[in-house]
């Protein structure tokens, strides 16, 4: 939902899902089932350029070894601003999709061996407005939240799950300052962390 809501055209949409290898196969099955259950329909993008951009990013990734696990890239829709949601696995650093924000209904899966690798990849982006960590271990979630370079980290909640009463803003190339903060708060780096059972 965090990747496909509003066709992925939310500045906090989930772009990459980093999954530990021990649960990767099970996670992929659950993701595909969930996506087919509610996220297979055509999405409408603001402009035709968004559809073209997403398809180019996917084609580049596939040409370099990634594979589509949900959706179809070659489907022709009735207008040029429509596109079906795509899930793609095997995304690596040399692919344009790894480093380019799709701002569309495309989400990448990256399988990792260690927590350190997960954190390195999570922070290997020039954009970071919001992030999410899903875990049964609250201490692990808080440890990740501390290390992830992001304006907000949601533990067991979607990356698009922000609270209007808390300061909101990004780091790196994701904006300057914070909504919901004033005065000296504009000069400090605030990070919002939320947790859901």
N, C-alpha and C. Protein backbone atom coordinates (compact mmCIF):
# COMPACT_ATOMS: atom_id res chain seq x y z
N UNK A 1 0.82 -1.19 0.00
CA UNK A 1 0.00 0.00 0.00
C UNK A 1 0.87 1.26 0.00
N UNK A 2 1.96 1.23 0.76
CA UNK A 2 2.85 2.38 0.82
C UNK A 2 3.52 2.69 -0.51
N UNK A 3 3.61 1.68 -1.38
CA UNK A 3 4.23 1.87 -2.70
C UNK A 3 3.21 2.29 -3.76
N UNK A 4 1.99 1.78 -3.66
CA UNK A 4 1.02 1.93 -4.75
C UNK A 4 -0.08 2.95 -4.49
N UNK A 5 -0.26 3.39 -3.25
CA UNK A 5 -1.29 4.37 -2.95
C UNK A 5 -1.09 5.62 -3.80
N UNK A 6 -2.15 6.11 -4.41
CA UNK A 6 -2.09 7.26 -5.32
C UNK A 6 -1.04 7.06 -6.42
N UNK A 7 -0.95 5.83 -6.91
CA UNK A 7 -0.04 5.46 -8.00
C UNK A 7 1.41 5.77 -7.65
N UNK A 8 1.74 5.72 -6.36
CA UNK A 8 3.13 5.97 -5.95
C UNK A 8 3.55 7.42 -6.07
N UNK A 9 2.59 8.31 -6.23
CA UNK A 9 2.89 9.73 -6.44
C UNK A 9 2.78 10.54 -5.16
N UNK A 10 3.24 9.96 -4.07
CA UNK A 10 3.32 10.65 -2.78
C UNK A 10 4.80 10.79 -2.48
N UNK A 11 5.22 11.92 -1.99
CA UNK A 11 6.64 12.14 -1.76
C UNK A 11 7.23 11.18 -0.72
N UNK A 12 6.38 10.49 0.02
CA UNK A 12 6.84 9.52 1.04
C UNK A 12 6.58 8.08 0.61
N UNK A 13 6.20 7.87 -0.65
CA UNK A 13 5.89 6.52 -1.13
C UNK A 13 7.09 5.59 -0.97
N UNK A 14 6.80 4.31 -0.74
CA UNK A 14 7.85 3.31 -0.61
C UNK A 14 8.43 3.02 -1.99
N UNK A 15 9.73 3.23 -2.13
CA UNK A 15 10.42 2.99 -3.40
C UNK A 15 11.17 1.65 -3.37
N UNK A 16 11.79 1.34 -2.23
CA UNK A 16 12.58 0.12 -2.12
C UNK A 16 12.17 -0.64 -0.87
N UNK A 17 12.03 -1.94 -1.01
CA UNK A 17 11.75 -2.81 0.12
C UNK A 17 12.97 -3.70 0.31
N UNK A 18 13.61 -3.55 1.46
CA UNK A 18 14.83 -4.30 1.77
C UNK A 18 14.43 -5.44 2.70
N UNK A 19 14.70 -6.67 2.28
CA UNK A 19 14.23 -7.85 3.00
C UNK A 19 15.41 -8.77 3.31
N UNK A 20 15.46 -9.29 4.55
CA UNK A 20 16.51 -10.24 4.92
C UNK A 20 16.29 -11.56 4.17
N UNK A 21 17.39 -12.17 3.77
CA UNK A 21 17.31 -13.38 2.95
C UNK A 21 16.54 -14.52 3.63
N UNK A 22 16.54 -14.57 4.95
CA UNK A 22 15.84 -15.65 5.66
C UNK A 22 14.33 -15.63 5.46
N UNK A 23 13.78 -14.47 5.14
CA UNK A 23 12.33 -14.39 4.94
C UNK A 23 11.96 -13.93 3.53
N UNK A 24 12.94 -13.80 2.66
CA UNK A 24 12.70 -13.22 1.33
C UNK A 24 11.67 -13.98 0.52
N UNK A 25 11.76 -15.30 0.47
CA UNK A 25 10.82 -16.09 -0.33
C UNK A 25 9.41 -15.98 0.21
N UNK A 26 9.26 -16.12 1.52
CA UNK A 26 7.94 -16.01 2.14
C UNK A 26 7.37 -14.61 1.95
N UNK A 27 8.22 -13.60 2.11
CA UNK A 27 7.76 -12.22 1.94
C UNK A 27 7.29 -11.98 0.51
N UNK A 28 8.06 -12.50 -0.45
CA UNK A 28 7.68 -12.32 -1.86
C UNK A 28 6.32 -12.94 -2.14
N UNK A 29 6.08 -14.14 -1.62
CA UNK A 29 4.77 -14.79 -1.82
C UNK A 29 3.65 -13.95 -1.23
N UNK A 30 3.87 -13.46 0.00
CA UNK A 30 2.84 -12.64 0.66
C UNK A 30 2.61 -11.32 -0.09
N UNK A 31 3.69 -10.73 -0.56
CA UNK A 31 3.56 -9.48 -1.30
C UNK A 31 2.75 -9.69 -2.58
N UNK A 32 3.08 -10.73 -3.33
CA UNK A 32 2.38 -11.00 -4.59
C UNK A 32 0.90 -11.24 -4.32
N UNK A 33 0.58 -12.03 -3.29
CA UNK A 33 -0.82 -12.29 -2.95
C UNK A 33 -1.54 -11.00 -2.59
N UNK A 34 -0.91 -10.16 -1.78
CA UNK A 34 -1.53 -8.89 -1.38
C UNK A 34 -1.70 -7.96 -2.57
N UNK A 35 -0.69 -7.90 -3.43
CA UNK A 35 -0.75 -7.02 -4.60
C UNK A 35 -1.85 -7.48 -5.55
N UNK A 36 -1.96 -8.77 -5.77
CA UNK A 36 -3.02 -9.28 -6.65
C UNK A 36 -4.39 -9.07 -6.03
N UNK A 37 -4.45 -9.08 -4.70
CA UNK A 37 -5.72 -8.90 -4.01
C UNK A 37 -6.26 -7.49 -4.06
N UNK A 38 -5.39 -6.50 -4.20
CA UNK A 38 -5.90 -5.14 -4.17
C UNK A 38 -5.12 -4.12 -4.96
N UNK A 39 -4.01 -4.51 -5.57
CA UNK A 39 -3.16 -3.54 -6.25
C UNK A 39 -2.73 -4.02 -7.63
N UNK A 40 -3.68 -4.58 -8.38
CA UNK A 40 -3.40 -5.01 -9.75
C UNK A 40 -4.05 -4.11 -10.78
N UNK A 41 -4.99 -3.28 -10.32
CA UNK A 41 -5.71 -2.42 -11.25
C UNK A 41 -4.82 -1.31 -11.79
N UNK A 42 -5.23 -0.79 -12.91
CA UNK A 42 -4.51 0.31 -13.55
C UNK A 42 -4.50 1.53 -12.64
N UNK A 43 -3.36 2.18 -12.55
CA UNK A 43 -3.21 3.41 -11.78
C UNK A 43 -3.11 4.58 -12.76
N UNK A 44 -3.57 5.74 -12.33
CA UNK A 44 -3.51 6.92 -13.18
C UNK A 44 -2.42 7.85 -12.66
N UNK A 45 -1.47 8.19 -13.52
CA UNK A 45 -0.41 9.11 -13.15
C UNK A 45 -0.76 10.52 -13.62
N UNK A 46 -0.11 11.49 -13.03
CA UNK A 46 -0.40 12.90 -13.35
C UNK A 46 -0.11 13.20 -14.82
N UNK A 47 1.03 12.67 -15.31
CA UNK A 47 1.45 12.97 -16.69
C UNK A 47 1.96 11.71 -17.38
N UNK A 48 1.94 11.74 -18.68
CA UNK A 48 2.48 10.66 -19.50
C UNK A 48 3.96 10.45 -19.22
N UNK A 49 4.67 11.53 -18.91
CA UNK A 49 6.11 11.43 -18.64
C UNK A 49 6.40 10.50 -17.47
N UNK A 50 5.50 10.45 -16.49
CA UNK A 50 5.69 9.56 -15.35
C UNK A 50 5.63 8.09 -15.75
N UNK A 51 4.71 7.76 -16.63
CA UNK A 51 4.59 6.38 -17.13
C UNK A 51 5.86 6.02 -17.90
N UNK A 52 6.28 6.91 -18.79
CA UNK A 52 7.49 6.65 -19.60
C UNK A 52 8.70 6.46 -18.70
N UNK A 53 8.85 7.31 -17.70
CA UNK A 53 9.98 7.23 -16.78
C UNK A 53 9.99 5.88 -16.07
N UNK A 54 8.84 5.46 -15.52
CA UNK A 54 8.77 4.20 -14.81
C UNK A 54 9.09 3.03 -15.72
N UNK A 55 8.57 3.03 -16.92
CA UNK A 55 8.82 1.93 -17.85
C UNK A 55 10.29 1.88 -18.26
N UNK A 56 10.91 3.03 -18.45
CA UNK A 56 12.35 3.06 -18.78
C UNK A 56 13.18 2.52 -17.61
N UNK A 57 12.83 2.91 -16.40
CA UNK A 57 13.56 2.42 -15.22
C UNK A 57 13.43 0.90 -15.09
N UNK A 58 12.23 0.38 -15.33
CA UNK A 58 12.01 -1.06 -15.23
C UNK A 58 12.76 -1.80 -16.34
N UNK A 59 12.67 -1.29 -17.57
CA UNK A 59 13.36 -1.94 -18.69
C UNK A 59 14.87 -1.97 -18.46
N UNK A 60 15.42 -0.89 -17.94
CA UNK A 60 16.86 -0.85 -17.64
C UNK A 60 17.21 -1.92 -16.61
N UNK A 61 16.41 -2.02 -15.55
CA UNK A 61 16.68 -3.00 -14.49
C UNK A 61 16.58 -4.43 -15.02
N UNK A 62 15.54 -4.70 -15.81
CA UNK A 62 15.37 -6.05 -16.37
C UNK A 62 16.53 -6.39 -17.31
N UNK A 63 16.98 -5.41 -18.09
CA UNK A 63 18.10 -5.66 -19.01
C UNK A 63 19.40 -5.96 -18.27
N UNK A 64 19.46 -5.57 -16.99
CA UNK A 64 20.66 -5.81 -16.19
C UNK A 64 20.47 -6.93 -15.17
N UNK A 65 19.40 -7.72 -15.32
CA UNK A 65 19.26 -8.91 -14.51
C UNK A 65 18.12 -8.95 -13.51
N UNK A 66 17.38 -7.87 -13.33
CA UNK A 66 16.24 -7.88 -12.40
C UNK A 66 15.07 -8.61 -13.06
N UNK A 67 14.07 -9.00 -12.25
CA UNK A 67 12.90 -9.67 -12.82
C UNK A 67 11.62 -9.14 -12.18
N UNK A 68 10.58 -9.04 -12.99
CA UNK A 68 9.29 -8.53 -12.53
C UNK A 68 8.54 -9.65 -11.83
N UNK A 69 8.07 -9.38 -10.60
CA UNK A 69 7.31 -10.39 -9.85
C UNK A 69 5.83 -10.04 -9.76
N UNK A 70 5.48 -8.81 -10.09
CA UNK A 70 4.08 -8.40 -10.08
C UNK A 70 3.88 -7.35 -11.16
N UNK A 71 2.84 -7.54 -11.97
CA UNK A 71 2.51 -6.57 -13.00
C UNK A 71 3.13 -6.91 -14.34
N UNK A 72 2.79 -6.10 -15.33
CA UNK A 72 3.28 -6.28 -16.69
C UNK A 72 3.69 -4.92 -17.23
N UNK A 73 4.85 -4.87 -17.81
CA UNK A 73 5.36 -3.59 -18.32
C UNK A 73 4.86 -3.27 -19.73
N UNK A 74 4.56 -4.29 -20.51
CA UNK A 74 4.21 -4.07 -21.92
C UNK A 74 2.72 -3.85 -22.15
N UNK A 75 1.92 -3.91 -21.10
CA UNK A 75 0.48 -3.71 -21.27
C UNK A 75 0.19 -2.31 -21.80
N UNK A 76 -0.62 -2.23 -22.84
CA UNK A 76 -1.01 -0.95 -23.42
C UNK A 76 -2.37 -0.57 -22.83
N UNK A 77 -2.44 0.60 -22.21
CA UNK A 77 -3.67 1.06 -21.58
C UNK A 77 -4.43 1.98 -22.54
N UNK A 78 -5.64 2.37 -22.15
CA UNK A 78 -6.47 3.20 -23.04
C UNK A 78 -6.03 4.66 -23.08
N UNK A 79 -5.20 5.09 -22.12
CA UNK A 79 -4.60 6.42 -22.20
C UNK A 79 -3.13 6.31 -21.80
N UNK A 80 -2.34 7.27 -22.19
CA UNK A 80 -0.89 7.24 -21.95
C UNK A 80 -0.50 7.64 -20.53
N UNK A 81 -1.48 7.96 -19.69
CA UNK A 81 -1.17 8.31 -18.30
C UNK A 81 -1.49 7.17 -17.34
N UNK A 82 -1.84 6.01 -17.88
CA UNK A 82 -2.19 4.87 -17.03
C UNK A 82 -1.09 3.81 -17.05
N UNK A 83 -0.96 3.14 -15.89
CA UNK A 83 0.06 2.09 -15.76
C UNK A 83 -0.35 1.16 -14.62
N UNK A 84 -0.12 -0.14 -14.82
CA UNK A 84 -0.40 -1.10 -13.75
C UNK A 84 0.77 -1.11 -12.78
N UNK A 85 0.50 -1.35 -11.48
CA UNK A 85 1.58 -1.43 -10.48
C UNK A 85 2.57 -2.54 -10.82
N UNK A 86 3.84 -2.26 -10.52
CA UNK A 86 4.94 -3.19 -10.81
C UNK A 86 5.72 -3.47 -9.54
N UNK A 87 6.05 -4.73 -9.32
CA UNK A 87 6.99 -5.14 -8.28
C UNK A 87 8.16 -5.82 -8.97
N UNK A 88 9.37 -5.44 -8.63
CA UNK A 88 10.54 -5.96 -9.33
C UNK A 88 11.61 -6.37 -8.32
N UNK A 89 12.20 -7.54 -8.53
CA UNK A 89 13.22 -8.02 -7.59
C UNK A 89 14.56 -8.14 -8.29
N UNK A 90 15.60 -8.27 -7.46
CA UNK A 90 16.95 -8.37 -8.01
C UNK A 90 17.54 -7.03 -8.39
N UNK A 91 17.03 -5.96 -7.81
CA UNK A 91 17.53 -4.61 -8.12
C UNK A 91 18.89 -4.42 -7.43
N UNK A 92 19.84 -3.93 -8.21
CA UNK A 92 21.21 -3.73 -7.71
C UNK A 92 21.68 -2.31 -8.01
N UNK A 93 22.81 -1.95 -7.43
CA UNK A 93 23.31 -0.57 -7.48
C UNK A 93 23.57 -0.05 -8.89
N UNK A 94 23.91 -0.93 -9.83
CA UNK A 94 24.22 -0.47 -11.18
C UNK A 94 22.97 -0.17 -12.02
N UNK A 95 21.81 -0.42 -11.47
CA UNK A 95 20.56 -0.18 -12.19
C UNK A 95 20.03 1.23 -11.88
N UNK A 96 19.49 1.88 -12.88
CA UNK A 96 18.96 3.24 -12.68
C UNK A 96 17.86 3.27 -11.62
N UNK A 97 17.07 2.21 -11.55
CA UNK A 97 15.97 2.15 -10.59
C UNK A 97 16.45 2.18 -9.15
N UNK A 98 17.66 1.70 -8.90
CA UNK A 98 18.23 1.68 -7.55
C UNK A 98 18.40 3.09 -7.01
N UNK A 99 18.81 4.01 -7.87
CA UNK A 99 19.16 5.35 -7.39
C UNK A 99 18.18 6.45 -7.81
N UNK A 100 17.22 6.12 -8.66
CA UNK A 100 16.29 7.13 -9.16
C UNK A 100 14.91 6.93 -8.54
N UNK A 101 14.36 7.99 -8.00
CA UNK A 101 13.02 7.93 -7.44
C UNK A 101 12.01 7.78 -8.57
N UNK A 102 11.22 6.71 -8.56
CA UNK A 102 10.29 6.45 -9.66
C UNK A 102 9.09 7.39 -9.63
N UNK A 103 8.63 7.76 -8.46
CA UNK A 103 7.44 8.59 -8.27
C UNK A 103 6.29 8.03 -9.11
N UNK A 104 6.15 6.71 -9.03
CA UNK A 104 5.10 6.01 -9.76
C UNK A 104 4.82 4.68 -9.08
N UNK A 105 3.94 3.85 -9.67
CA UNK A 105 3.55 2.59 -9.05
C UNK A 105 4.57 1.47 -9.26
N UNK A 106 5.80 1.74 -8.88
CA UNK A 106 6.89 0.78 -9.03
C UNK A 106 7.59 0.63 -7.69
N UNK A 107 7.82 -0.61 -7.26
CA UNK A 107 8.56 -0.84 -6.03
C UNK A 107 9.61 -1.92 -6.26
N UNK A 108 10.80 -1.71 -5.69
CA UNK A 108 11.93 -2.63 -5.87
C UNK A 108 12.15 -3.47 -4.62
N UNK A 109 12.56 -4.72 -4.83
CA UNK A 109 12.92 -5.61 -3.73
C UNK A 109 14.42 -5.85 -3.76
N UNK A 110 15.03 -5.68 -2.61
CA UNK A 110 16.46 -5.91 -2.47
C UNK A 110 16.66 -6.86 -1.30
N UNK A 111 17.29 -7.99 -1.55
CA UNK A 111 17.52 -9.00 -0.51
C UNK A 111 18.91 -8.79 0.07
N UNK A 112 19.00 -8.83 1.41
CA UNK A 112 20.27 -8.60 2.09
C UNK A 112 20.59 -9.76 3.03
N UNK A 113 21.87 -9.87 3.40
CA UNK A 113 22.33 -10.92 4.31
C UNK A 113 22.40 -10.45 5.76
N UNK A 114 22.65 -9.14 5.96
CA UNK A 114 22.91 -8.65 7.32
C UNK A 114 22.17 -7.33 7.57
N UNK A 115 22.06 -6.99 8.86
CA UNK A 115 21.48 -5.70 9.23
C UNK A 115 22.34 -4.55 8.72
N UNK A 116 23.66 -4.74 8.77
CA UNK A 116 24.57 -3.69 8.32
C UNK A 116 24.35 -3.38 6.84
N UNK A 117 24.17 -4.43 6.04
CA UNK A 117 23.92 -4.25 4.61
C UNK A 117 22.58 -3.54 4.39
N UNK A 118 21.58 -3.92 5.18
CA UNK A 118 20.26 -3.28 5.07
C UNK A 118 20.36 -1.78 5.36
N UNK A 119 21.08 -1.41 6.42
CA UNK A 119 21.25 0.00 6.75
C UNK A 119 22.04 0.75 5.69
N UNK A 120 23.07 0.13 5.17
CA UNK A 120 23.87 0.77 4.12
C UNK A 120 23.00 1.08 2.90
N UNK A 121 22.20 0.12 2.48
CA UNK A 121 21.34 0.32 1.31
C UNK A 121 20.23 1.32 1.63
N UNK A 122 19.64 1.23 2.81
CA UNK A 122 18.59 2.18 3.20
C UNK A 122 19.11 3.62 3.15
N UNK A 123 20.36 3.82 3.51
CA UNK A 123 20.93 5.17 3.54
C UNK A 123 21.59 5.57 2.23
N UNK A 124 21.68 4.64 1.29
CA UNK A 124 22.34 4.91 0.01
C UNK A 124 21.35 5.54 -0.98
N UNK A 125 20.92 6.73 -0.66
CA UNK A 125 19.99 7.47 -1.50
C UNK A 125 20.17 8.95 -1.22
N UNK A 126 19.92 9.77 -2.21
CA UNK A 126 20.03 11.21 -1.98
C UNK A 126 18.73 11.80 -1.45
N UNK A 127 17.67 11.00 -1.45
CA UNK A 127 16.39 11.45 -0.93
C UNK A 127 16.04 10.68 0.32
N UNK A 128 15.46 11.35 1.31
CA UNK A 128 15.00 10.61 2.47
C UNK A 128 14.05 11.47 3.27
N UNK A 129 12.80 11.37 2.93
CA UNK A 129 11.76 12.08 3.68
C UNK A 129 11.20 11.18 4.78
N UNK A 130 10.92 9.93 4.40
CA UNK A 130 10.28 9.02 5.33
C UNK A 130 10.74 7.60 5.06
N UNK A 131 10.79 6.79 6.11
CA UNK A 131 11.18 5.39 5.99
C UNK A 131 10.32 4.55 6.92
N UNK A 132 10.35 3.25 6.72
CA UNK A 132 9.60 2.33 7.58
C UNK A 132 10.46 1.11 7.89
N UNK A 133 10.29 0.59 9.10
CA UNK A 133 10.96 -0.63 9.53
C UNK A 133 9.90 -1.56 10.09
N UNK A 134 9.84 -2.78 9.58
CA UNK A 134 8.89 -3.76 10.11
C UNK A 134 9.66 -4.85 10.83
N UNK A 135 9.35 -5.04 12.12
CA UNK A 135 10.05 -6.02 12.94
C UNK A 135 9.19 -6.38 14.15
N UNK A 136 9.41 -7.60 14.66
CA UNK A 136 8.75 -8.01 15.90
C UNK A 136 9.56 -7.58 17.11
N UNK A 137 10.80 -7.13 16.88
CA UNK A 137 11.72 -6.75 17.95
C UNK A 137 11.79 -5.22 18.04
N UNK A 138 11.14 -4.66 19.05
CA UNK A 138 11.09 -3.20 19.19
C UNK A 138 12.49 -2.61 19.30
N UNK A 139 13.38 -3.27 20.03
CA UNK A 139 14.75 -2.75 20.18
C UNK A 139 15.46 -2.67 18.83
N UNK A 140 15.28 -3.69 18.01
CA UNK A 140 15.87 -3.65 16.67
C UNK A 140 15.26 -2.50 15.87
N UNK A 141 13.95 -2.34 15.95
CA UNK A 141 13.29 -1.26 15.24
C UNK A 141 13.82 0.11 15.65
N UNK A 142 14.01 0.31 16.96
CA UNK A 142 14.54 1.59 17.44
C UNK A 142 15.99 1.78 17.02
N UNK A 143 16.76 0.70 17.01
CA UNK A 143 18.15 0.78 16.55
C UNK A 143 18.22 1.19 15.08
N UNK A 144 17.37 0.58 14.26
CA UNK A 144 17.31 0.96 12.85
C UNK A 144 16.85 2.41 12.70
N UNK A 145 15.81 2.79 13.46
CA UNK A 145 15.28 4.15 13.37
C UNK A 145 16.37 5.18 13.67
N UNK A 146 17.23 4.86 14.62
CA UNK A 146 18.31 5.77 14.98
C UNK A 146 19.34 5.90 13.85
N UNK A 147 19.61 4.80 13.16
CA UNK A 147 20.66 4.77 12.14
C UNK A 147 20.19 5.20 10.75
N UNK A 148 18.92 5.07 10.47
CA UNK A 148 18.42 5.45 9.14
C UNK A 148 18.41 6.97 9.01
N UNK A 149 19.00 7.46 7.95
CA UNK A 149 19.07 8.90 7.67
C UNK A 149 17.77 9.31 7.00
N UNK A 150 16.83 9.79 7.81
CA UNK A 150 15.51 10.11 7.30
C UNK A 150 14.83 11.11 8.22
N UNK A 151 13.92 11.89 7.66
CA UNK A 151 13.17 12.84 8.47
C UNK A 151 12.21 12.16 9.43
N UNK A 152 11.71 10.99 9.04
CA UNK A 152 10.81 10.22 9.89
C UNK A 152 11.05 8.73 9.65
N UNK A 153 10.88 7.95 10.69
CA UNK A 153 10.95 6.49 10.57
C UNK A 153 9.74 5.93 11.30
N UNK A 154 8.99 5.11 10.61
CA UNK A 154 7.80 4.50 11.19
C UNK A 154 8.07 3.02 11.44
N UNK A 155 8.03 2.61 12.68
CA UNK A 155 8.25 1.22 13.03
C UNK A 155 6.90 0.51 12.95
N UNK A 156 6.83 -0.48 12.09
CA UNK A 156 5.62 -1.27 11.84
C UNK A 156 4.46 -0.42 11.32
N UNK A 157 4.79 0.62 10.58
CA UNK A 157 3.80 1.47 9.91
C UNK A 157 4.34 1.89 8.55
N UNK A 158 3.46 2.19 7.62
CA UNK A 158 3.88 2.56 6.26
C UNK A 158 4.74 3.82 6.23
N UNK A 159 5.54 3.94 5.20
CA UNK A 159 6.35 5.15 5.03
C UNK A 159 5.47 6.37 4.80
N UNK A 160 4.24 6.19 4.35
CA UNK A 160 3.33 7.31 4.14
C UNK A 160 2.47 7.59 5.37
N UNK A 161 2.83 6.99 6.49
CA UNK A 161 2.05 7.11 7.72
C UNK A 161 2.64 8.23 8.60
N UNK A 162 2.27 9.47 8.35
CA UNK A 162 2.78 10.57 9.15
C UNK A 162 1.67 11.16 10.00
N UNK A 163 2.07 11.71 11.12
CA UNK A 163 1.13 12.33 12.06
C UNK A 163 1.21 13.85 11.86
N UNK A 164 0.07 14.47 11.63
CA UNK A 164 0.06 15.91 11.36
C UNK A 164 0.48 16.73 12.57
N UNK A 165 0.43 16.15 13.77
CA UNK A 165 0.79 16.90 14.97
C UNK A 165 2.30 16.88 15.26
N UNK A 166 3.07 16.07 14.48
CA UNK A 166 4.51 15.96 14.71
C UNK A 166 5.29 16.71 13.65
N UNK A 167 6.51 17.17 13.97
CA UNK A 167 7.33 17.84 12.95
C UNK A 167 7.52 16.94 11.74
N UNK A 168 7.48 17.52 10.55
CA UNK A 168 7.59 16.73 9.32
C UNK A 168 8.54 17.42 8.35
N UNK A 169 9.53 16.67 7.87
CA UNK A 169 10.46 17.18 6.88
C UNK A 169 11.53 16.15 6.62
N UNK A 170 12.33 16.36 5.59
CA UNK A 170 13.30 15.37 5.17
C UNK A 170 14.73 15.75 5.43
N UNK A 171 15.63 14.87 4.96
CA UNK A 171 17.07 15.12 5.02
C UNK A 171 17.63 14.91 3.62
N UNK A 172 18.90 15.22 3.47
CA UNK A 172 19.58 15.13 2.17
C UNK A 172 18.87 16.04 1.18
N UNK A 173 18.41 15.52 0.04
CA UNK A 173 17.76 16.34 -0.99
C UNK A 173 16.24 16.38 -0.84
N UNK A 174 15.74 16.00 0.33
CA UNK A 174 14.29 15.97 0.55
C UNK A 174 13.82 17.17 1.36
N UNK A 175 14.13 18.34 0.90
CA UNK A 175 13.58 19.53 1.51
C UNK A 175 14.42 20.12 2.62
N UNK A 176 13.97 21.28 3.08
CA UNK A 176 14.67 22.05 4.10
C UNK A 176 13.69 22.41 5.20
N UNK A 177 14.10 22.25 6.43
CA UNK A 177 13.25 22.64 7.55
C UNK A 177 12.19 21.60 7.86
N UNK A 178 11.28 21.97 8.76
CA UNK A 178 10.23 21.07 9.21
C UNK A 178 8.89 21.79 9.26
N UNK A 179 7.85 21.13 8.74
CA UNK A 179 6.50 21.61 8.97
C UNK A 179 6.19 21.30 10.43
N UNK A 180 5.44 22.15 11.08
CA UNK A 180 5.04 21.90 12.46
C UNK A 180 6.12 22.26 13.46
N UNK A 181 7.14 23.00 13.06
CA UNK A 181 8.17 23.44 13.99
C UNK A 181 8.42 24.93 13.77
N UNK A 182 8.97 25.60 14.77
CA UNK A 182 9.16 27.04 14.66
C UNK A 182 10.51 27.46 15.21
N UNK A 183 10.91 28.67 14.87
CA UNK A 183 12.09 29.30 15.45
C UNK A 183 13.35 28.45 15.36
N UNK A 184 13.98 28.21 16.52
CA UNK A 184 15.23 27.45 16.57
C UNK A 184 15.07 26.02 16.06
N UNK A 185 13.86 25.49 16.13
CA UNK A 185 13.64 24.13 15.63
C UNK A 185 14.01 24.01 14.16
N UNK A 186 13.93 25.11 13.41
CA UNK A 186 14.28 25.08 11.99
C UNK A 186 15.78 24.84 11.79
N UNK A 187 16.58 25.07 12.81
CA UNK A 187 18.03 24.93 12.69
C UNK A 187 18.56 23.62 13.25
N UNK A 188 17.69 22.81 13.82
CA UNK A 188 18.13 21.52 14.35
C UNK A 188 17.55 20.41 13.49
N UNK A 189 18.15 19.25 13.58
CA UNK A 189 17.71 18.12 12.77
C UNK A 189 16.83 17.20 13.61
N UNK A 190 15.55 17.33 13.43
CA UNK A 190 14.57 16.55 14.17
C UNK A 190 14.23 15.29 13.39
N UNK A 191 14.09 14.19 14.10
CA UNK A 191 13.64 12.96 13.47
C UNK A 191 12.42 12.46 14.23
N UNK A 192 11.35 12.19 13.52
CA UNK A 192 10.15 11.65 14.12
C UNK A 192 10.18 10.13 14.02
N UNK A 193 9.95 9.44 15.13
CA UNK A 193 9.89 7.98 15.14
C UNK A 193 8.56 7.58 15.74
N UNK A 194 7.80 6.77 15.01
CA UNK A 194 6.53 6.26 15.52
C UNK A 194 6.60 4.75 15.61
N UNK A 195 5.77 4.18 16.44
CA UNK A 195 5.76 2.71 16.61
C UNK A 195 4.32 2.23 16.72
N UNK A 196 4.00 1.13 16.04
CA UNK A 196 2.68 0.51 16.12
C UNK A 196 2.86 -0.95 16.51
N UNK A 197 1.99 -1.45 17.37
CA UNK A 197 2.02 -2.87 17.72
C UNK A 197 1.54 -3.71 16.56
